């Protein structure tokens, strides 16, 4: 499952390579094979991400969004995660070496938490 594709950083709505050109190899602990190569974020990428987050905060889109709509957004995230739960669990196993049943349970737990907090969004 070796890969040559570099996974870039998602910053401010777009995939960006790192300014340093540094890479992090993610190895399958069961056999040492490289399963992913990730662009290593450095100070420039961190600054871009913080600036983007600050701008979104100041734009108040999420703050001013009706709580019901925020909840619906979280429900959609939960649905998307659940629809890809096997894929996420398998990637987690390959990356960490944990048992598939444990990884599936962690994904199910994440989906439950997302739905729980989505349900609270318009009640707090």
C-alpha atoms as a PDB file:
ATOM      1  CA  UNK A   1       0.000   0.000   0.000  1.00  0.00           C
ATOM      2  CA  UNK A   2       2.962   2.302  -0.495  1.00  0.00           C
ATOM      3  CA  UNK A   3       2.085   5.765  -1.708  1.00  0.00           C
ATOM      4  CA  UNK A   4       3.963   8.559  -3.389  1.00  0.00           C
ATOM      5  CA  UNK A   5       1.154  11.118  -3.107  1.00  0.00           C
ATOM      6  CA  UNK A   6       1.809  13.806  -0.514  1.00  0.00           C
ATOM      7  CA  UNK A   7      -1.133  14.692   1.708  1.00  0.00           C
ATOM      8  CA  UNK A   8      -1.143  18.460   1.985  1.00  0.00           C
ATOM      9  CA  UNK A   9      -2.400  20.718   4.766  1.00  0.00           C
ATOM     10  CA  UNK A  10      -5.987  21.964   4.458  1.00  0.00           C
ATOM     11  CA  UNK A  11      -5.777  25.664   5.321  1.00  0.00           C
ATOM     12  CA  UNK A  12      -8.335  28.370   4.619  1.00  0.00           C
ATOM     13  CA  UNK A  13     -10.415  26.212   2.297  1.00  0.00           C
ATOM     14  CA  UNK A  14      -7.615  24.838   0.141  1.00  0.00           C
ATOM     15  CA  UNK A  15      -4.967  22.128   0.151  1.00  0.00           C
ATOM     16  CA  UNK A  16      -1.490  23.633   0.584  1.00  0.00           C
ATOM     17  CA  UNK A  17       1.954  22.140   0.458  1.00  0.00           C
ATOM     18  CA  UNK A  18       4.333  23.179   3.219  1.00  0.00           C
ATOM     19  CA  UNK A  19       6.755  26.020   2.674  1.00  0.00           C
ATOM     20  CA  UNK A  20       9.694  24.038   4.068  1.00  0.00           C
ATOM     21  CA  UNK A  21       9.248  21.072   1.745  1.00  0.00           C
ATOM     22  CA  UNK A  22       9.589  18.737   4.756  1.00  0.00           C
ATOM     23  CA  UNK A  23       7.614  15.496   4.793  1.00  0.00           C
ATOM     24  CA  UNK A  24       6.415  13.097   7.472  1.00  0.00           C
ATOM     25  CA  UNK A  25       6.152   9.417   6.565  1.00  0.00           C
ATOM     26  CA  UNK A  26       3.365   7.466   8.253  1.00  0.00           C
ATOM     27  CA  UNK A  27       4.318   3.811   8.568  1.00  0.00           C
ATOM     28  CA  UNK A  28       2.134   0.772   9.140  1.00  0.00           C
ATOM     29  CA  UNK A  29       3.409  -0.506  12.515  1.00  0.00           C
ATOM     30  CA  UNK A  30       2.642  -4.104  11.535  1.00  0.00           C
ATOM     31  CA  UNK A  31       5.148  -4.193   8.673  1.00  0.00           C
ATOM     32  CA  UNK A  32       6.971  -0.844   8.559  1.00  0.00           C
ATOM     33  CA  UNK A  33       5.609  -0.017   5.104  1.00  0.00           C
ATOM     34  CA  UNK A  34       5.006   3.668   4.391  1.00  0.00           C
ATOM     35  CA  UNK A  35       1.259   4.156   3.958  1.00  0.00           C
ATOM     36  CA  UNK A  36       1.146   7.938   3.707  1.00  0.00           C
ATOM     37  CA  UNK A  37       3.409  10.925   3.231  1.00  0.00           C
ATOM     38  CA  UNK A  38       2.270  14.169   4.821  1.00  0.00           C
ATOM     39  CA  UNK A  39       3.442  17.728   4.233  1.00  0.00           C
ATOM     40  CA  UNK A  40       4.911  18.894   7.547  1.00  0.00           C
ATOM     41  CA  UNK A  41       3.277  22.125   8.662  1.00  0.00           C
ATOM     42  CA  UNK A  42       5.735  24.728   9.872  1.00  0.00           C
ATOM     43  CA  UNK A  43       5.433  28.238  11.300  1.00  0.00           C
ATOM     44  CA  UNK A  44       4.181  29.711   8.009  1.00  0.00           C
ATOM     45  CA  UNK A  45       1.353  27.177   7.744  1.00  0.00           C
ATOM     46  CA  UNK A  46       0.446  27.643  11.408  1.00  0.00           C
ATOM     47  CA  UNK A  47       0.280  31.416  10.927  1.00  0.00           C
ATOM     48  CA  UNK A  48      -1.933  31.017   7.839  1.00  0.00           C
ATOM     49  CA  UNK A  49      -4.258  28.640   9.701  1.00  0.00           C
ATOM     50  CA  UNK A  50      -4.506  30.919  12.747  1.00  0.00           C
ATOM     51  CA  UNK A  51      -5.197  33.937  10.521  1.00  0.00           C
ATOM     52  CA  UNK A  52      -7.936  32.012   8.687  1.00  0.00           C
ATOM     53  CA  UNK A  53      -9.514  30.870  11.962  1.00  0.00           C
ATOM     54  CA  UNK A  54      -9.351  34.403  13.344  1.00  0.00           C
ATOM     55  CA  UNK A  55     -11.018  35.789  10.218  1.00  0.00           C
ATOM     56  CA  UNK A  56     -13.826  33.220  10.412  1.00  0.00           C
ATOM     57  CA  UNK A  57     -14.310  34.047  14.088  1.00  0.00           C
ATOM     58  CA  UNK A  58     -14.451  37.779  13.364  1.00  0.00           C
ATOM     59  CA  UNK A  59     -16.840  37.234  10.433  1.00  0.00           C
ATOM     60  CA  UNK A  60     -19.210  35.738  13.046  1.00  0.00           C
ATOM     61  CA  UNK A  61     -20.774  33.321  10.562  1.00  0.00           C
ATOM     62  CA  UNK A  62     -20.913  30.462  13.063  1.00  0.00           C
ATOM     63  CA  UNK A  63     -21.531  32.749  16.033  1.00  0.00           C
ATOM     64  CA  UNK A  64     -24.520  34.398  14.356  1.00  0.00           C
ATOM     65  CA  UNK A  65     -25.828  31.166  12.846  1.00  0.00           C
ATOM     66  CA  UNK A  66     -29.111  30.074  14.413  1.00  0.00           C
ATOM     67  CA  UNK A  67     -28.431  27.306  16.949  1.00  0.00           C
ATOM     68  CA  UNK A  68     -30.841  24.982  15.129  1.00  0.00           C
ATOM     69  CA  UNK A  69     -28.780  25.384  11.944  1.00  0.00           C
ATOM     70  CA  UNK A  70     -25.534  24.721  13.835  1.00  0.00           C
ATOM     71  CA  UNK A  71     -27.083  21.532  15.143  1.00  0.00           C
ATOM     72  CA  UNK A  72     -28.144  20.489  11.652  1.00  0.00           C
ATOM     73  CA  UNK A  73     -24.603  21.102  10.439  1.00  0.00           C
ATOM     74  CA  UNK A  74     -23.219  18.807  13.160  1.00  0.00           C
ATOM     75  CA  UNK A  75     -25.803  16.151  12.279  1.00  0.00           C
ATOM     76  CA  UNK A  76     -24.555  16.283   8.660  1.00  0.00           C
ATOM     77  CA  UNK A  77     -20.970  15.849   9.864  1.00  0.00           C
ATOM     78  CA  UNK A  78     -22.068  12.842  11.946  1.00  0.00           C
ATOM     79  CA  UNK A  79     -23.880  11.348   8.944  1.00  0.00           C
ATOM     80  CA  UNK A  80     -20.827  11.855   6.712  1.00  0.00           C
ATOM     81  CA  UNK A  81     -18.521  10.219   9.261  1.00  0.00           C
ATOM     82  CA  UNK A  82     -20.921   7.325   9.757  1.00  0.00           C
ATOM     83  CA  UNK A  83     -21.215   6.751   6.003  1.00  0.00           C
ATOM     84  CA  UNK A  84     -17.427   6.335   5.816  1.00  0.00           C
ATOM     85  CA  UNK A  85     -16.971   4.654   9.192  1.00  0.00           C
ATOM     86  CA  UNK A  86     -15.377   1.468   7.845  1.00  0.00           C
ATOM     87  CA  UNK A  87     -12.911   3.461   5.753  1.00  0.00           C
ATOM     88  CA  UNK A  88     -11.978   5.671   8.715  1.00  0.00           C
ATOM     89  CA  UNK A  89     -11.615   2.641  11.012  1.00  0.00           C
ATOM     90  CA  UNK A  90      -9.379   0.782   8.540  1.00  0.00           C
ATOM     91  CA  UNK A  91      -7.148   3.825   8.054  1.00  0.00           C
ATOM     92  CA  UNK A  92      -6.914   4.149  11.842  1.00  0.00           C
ATOM     93  CA  UNK A  93      -5.863   0.479  12.108  1.00  0.00           C
ATOM     94  CA  UNK A  94      -3.213   0.794   9.428  1.00  0.00           C
ATOM     95  CA  UNK A  95      -1.837   3.980  10.957  1.00  0.00           C
ATOM     96  CA  UNK A  96      -1.823   2.860  14.593  1.00  0.00           C
ATOM     97  CA  UNK A  97      -1.834  -0.934  14.546  1.00  0.00           C
ATOM     98  CA  UNK A  98      -4.926  -1.136  16.737  1.00  0.00           C
ATOM     99  CA  UNK A  99      -7.565  -3.842  16.365  1.00  0.00           C
ATOM    100  CA  UNK A 100     -10.318  -3.196  13.809  1.00  0.00           C
ATOM    101  CA  UNK A 101     -13.108  -3.732  16.355  1.00  0.00           C
ATOM    102  CA  UNK A 102     -11.556  -1.089  18.618  1.00  0.00           C
ATOM    103  CA  UNK A 103     -11.196   1.379  15.747  1.00  0.00           C
ATOM    104  CA  UNK A 104     -14.808   0.797  14.660  1.00  0.00           C
ATOM    105  CA  UNK A 105     -15.943   1.406  18.231  1.00  0.00           C
ATOM    106  CA  UNK A 106     -14.031   4.684  18.342  1.00  0.00           C
ATOM    107  CA  UNK A 107     -15.691   5.869  15.129  1.00  0.00           C
ATOM    108  CA  UNK A 108     -19.131   4.900  16.470  1.00  0.00           C
ATOM    109  CA  UNK A 109     -18.348   6.837  19.661  1.00  0.00           C
ATOM    110  CA  UNK A 110     -17.317   9.909  17.662  1.00  0.00           C
ATOM    111  CA  UNK A 111     -20.582   9.725  15.694  1.00  0.00           C
ATOM    112  CA  UNK A 112     -22.569   9.451  18.947  1.00  0.00           C
ATOM    113  CA  UNK A 113     -20.794  12.482  20.429  1.00  0.00           C
ATOM    114  CA  UNK A 114     -21.410  14.537  17.296  1.00  0.00           C
ATOM    115  CA  UNK A 115     -25.117  13.651  17.384  1.00  0.00           C
ATOM    116  CA  UNK A 116     -25.356  14.321  21.107  1.00  0.00           C
ATOM    117  CA  UNK A 117     -23.887  17.817  20.786  1.00  0.00           C
ATOM    118  CA  UNK A 118     -25.849  18.482  17.596  1.00  0.00           C
ATOM    119  CA  UNK A 119     -28.992  17.769  19.583  1.00  0.00           C
ATOM    120  CA  UNK A 120     -27.941  20.225  22.287  1.00  0.00           C
ATOM    121  CA  UNK A 121     -27.083  23.052  19.888  1.00  0.00           C
ATOM    122  CA  UNK A 122     -30.498  24.724  20.085  1.00  0.00           C
ATOM    123  CA  UNK A 123     -31.101  23.914  23.740  1.00  0.00           C
ATOM    124  CA  UNK A 124     -28.214  25.706  25.442  1.00  0.00           C
END
